[in-house]
């Protein structure tokens, strides 16, 4: 009848804890959104508040682990607070 009717698309629910957003702002599990940062699947990045942790985006979930310290050769190493 020559009419155009538009409605906002309803986003399907997702089961991942940190879904990325697609072009319509719907959650998708082939990437991550973590602490305001968009990441692609498999991307590694530093934790936003704990620089001793490295995080990885895995199918809409984020896994963070503490990094290991490199060996030191000095006699009396010092560990600065938070490092």
C-alpha atoms as a PDB file:
ATOM      1  CA  UNK A   1       0.000   0.000   0.000  1.00  0.00           C
ATOM      2  CA  UNK A   2       2.990   2.285  -0.373  1.00  0.00           C
ATOM      3  CA  UNK A   3       3.732   2.518   3.365  1.00  0.00           C
ATOM      4  CA  UNK A   4       7.064   2.022   5.097  1.00  0.00           C
ATOM      5  CA  UNK A   5       6.974   0.847   8.684  1.00  0.00           C
ATOM      6  CA  UNK A   6      10.167   0.680  10.725  1.00  0.00           C
ATOM      7  CA  UNK A   7      10.613  -0.890  14.141  1.00  0.00           C
ATOM      8  CA  UNK A   8      13.703  -1.240  16.276  1.00  0.00           C
ATOM      9  CA  UNK A   9      15.252  -4.689  15.932  1.00  0.00           C
ATOM     10  CA  UNK A  10      15.111  -6.806  19.075  1.00  0.00           C
ATOM     11  CA  UNK A  11      18.471  -8.170  20.091  1.00  0.00           C
ATOM     12  CA  UNK A  12      18.712 -11.897  20.800  1.00  0.00           C
ATOM     13  CA  UNK A  13      20.041 -12.829  24.216  1.00  0.00           C
ATOM     14  CA  UNK A  14      23.643 -14.000  24.474  1.00  0.00           C
ATOM     15  CA  UNK A  15      25.194 -16.389  26.968  1.00  0.00           C
ATOM     16  CA  UNK A  16      28.708 -14.933  27.159  1.00  0.00           C
ATOM     17  CA  UNK A  17      29.665 -12.633  30.063  1.00  0.00           C
ATOM     18  CA  UNK A  18      31.431  -9.883  28.052  1.00  0.00           C
ATOM     19  CA  UNK A  19      29.769  -9.719  24.613  1.00  0.00           C
ATOM     20  CA  UNK A  20      31.001  -7.333  21.935  1.00  0.00           C
ATOM     21  CA  UNK A  21      28.457  -5.120  20.181  1.00  0.00           C
ATOM     22  CA  UNK A  22      27.485  -5.504  16.534  1.00  0.00           C
ATOM     23  CA  UNK A  23      26.449  -2.660  14.221  1.00  0.00           C
ATOM     24  CA  UNK A  24      22.989  -2.527  15.804  1.00  0.00           C
ATOM     25  CA  UNK A  25      24.335  -2.481  19.390  1.00  0.00           C
ATOM     26  CA  UNK A  26      23.305  -6.095  19.955  1.00  0.00           C
ATOM     27  CA  UNK A  27      25.590  -8.364  21.968  1.00  0.00           C
ATOM     28  CA  UNK A  28      27.622 -10.959  20.068  1.00  0.00           C
ATOM     29  CA  UNK A  29      30.044 -13.564  21.422  1.00  0.00           C
ATOM     30  CA  UNK A  30      32.655 -13.388  18.655  1.00  0.00           C
ATOM     31  CA  UNK A  31      34.453 -10.573  20.464  1.00  0.00           C
ATOM     32  CA  UNK A  32      34.491  -8.929  23.900  1.00  0.00           C
ATOM     33  CA  UNK A  33      33.683  -5.664  25.572  1.00  0.00           C
ATOM     34  CA  UNK A  34      35.626  -5.391  28.815  1.00  0.00           C
ATOM     35  CA  UNK A  35      35.738  -2.287  31.003  1.00  0.00           C
ATOM     36  CA  UNK A  36      34.699  -0.074  28.069  1.00  0.00           C
ATOM     37  CA  UNK A  37      37.257  -1.615  25.694  1.00  0.00           C
ATOM     38  CA  UNK A  38      36.289  -3.496  22.517  1.00  0.00           C
ATOM     39  CA  UNK A  39      38.433  -6.552  21.767  1.00  0.00           C
ATOM     40  CA  UNK A  40      38.491  -9.065  18.962  1.00  0.00           C
ATOM     41  CA  UNK A  41      38.324 -12.787  19.686  1.00  0.00           C
ATOM     42  CA  UNK A  42      41.766 -14.052  20.720  1.00  0.00           C
ATOM     43  CA  UNK A  43      43.131 -10.565  21.429  1.00  0.00           C
ATOM     44  CA  UNK A  44      45.482 -10.181  24.406  1.00  0.00           C
ATOM     45  CA  UNK A  45      45.617  -6.941  26.368  1.00  0.00           C
ATOM     46  CA  UNK A  46      46.772  -5.606  29.754  1.00  0.00           C
ATOM     47  CA  UNK A  47      44.219  -5.520  32.552  1.00  0.00           C
ATOM     48  CA  UNK A  48      42.923  -1.928  32.826  1.00  0.00           C
ATOM     49  CA  UNK A  49      43.572  -1.550  36.574  1.00  0.00           C
ATOM     50  CA  UNK A  50      46.201  -4.223  37.365  1.00  0.00           C
ATOM     51  CA  UNK A  51      49.159  -3.897  34.995  1.00  0.00           C
ATOM     52  CA  UNK A  52      50.616  -7.170  36.324  1.00  0.00           C
ATOM     53  CA  UNK A  53      47.794  -9.142  34.677  1.00  0.00           C
ATOM     54  CA  UNK A  54      47.359 -10.013  31.001  1.00  0.00           C
ATOM     55  CA  UNK A  55      43.858 -10.675  29.700  1.00  0.00           C
ATOM     56  CA  UNK A  56      42.586 -12.577  26.679  1.00  0.00           C
ATOM     57  CA  UNK A  57      39.230 -12.303  24.912  1.00  0.00           C
ATOM     58  CA  UNK A  58      37.783 -15.772  24.264  1.00  0.00           C
ATOM     59  CA  UNK A  59      34.351 -16.044  22.613  1.00  0.00           C
ATOM     60  CA  UNK A  60      32.769 -13.215  24.582  1.00  0.00           C
ATOM     61  CA  UNK A  61      34.532 -14.055  27.840  1.00  0.00           C
ATOM     62  CA  UNK A  62      37.644 -12.480  29.309  1.00  0.00           C
ATOM     63  CA  UNK A  63      40.303 -14.511  31.119  1.00  0.00           C
ATOM     64  CA  UNK A  64      43.004 -12.619  33.053  1.00  0.00           C
ATOM     65  CA  UNK A  65      46.124 -14.158  34.588  1.00  0.00           C
ATOM     66  CA  UNK A  66      49.032 -12.705  36.506  1.00  0.00           C
ATOM     67  CA  UNK A  67      52.217 -12.473  34.506  1.00  0.00           C
ATOM     68  CA  UNK A  68      55.344 -14.163  35.723  1.00  0.00           C
ATOM     69  CA  UNK A  69      58.268 -12.022  36.775  1.00  0.00           C
ATOM     70  CA  UNK A  70      61.508 -12.350  34.824  1.00  0.00           C
ATOM     71  CA  UNK A  71      64.467 -13.823  36.749  1.00  0.00           C
ATOM     72  CA  UNK A  72      66.807 -11.341  38.404  1.00  0.00           C
ATOM     73  CA  UNK A  73      70.543 -11.713  38.891  1.00  0.00           C
ATOM     74  CA  UNK A  74      71.213  -9.134  41.567  1.00  0.00           C
ATOM     75  CA  UNK A  75      71.966 -10.154  45.165  1.00  0.00           C
ATOM     76  CA  UNK A  76      69.184  -8.132  46.843  1.00  0.00           C
ATOM     77  CA  UNK A  77      66.258  -7.548  44.489  1.00  0.00           C
ATOM     78  CA  UNK A  78      63.599  -5.030  45.527  1.00  0.00           C
ATOM     79  CA  UNK A  79      59.936  -5.366  44.618  1.00  0.00           C
ATOM     80  CA  UNK A  80      58.194  -1.986  44.396  1.00  0.00           C
ATOM     81  CA  UNK A  81      54.647  -1.959  45.846  1.00  0.00           C
ATOM     82  CA  UNK A  82      52.110  -3.211  43.289  1.00  0.00           C
ATOM     83  CA  UNK A  83      54.753  -4.605  40.925  1.00  0.00           C
END
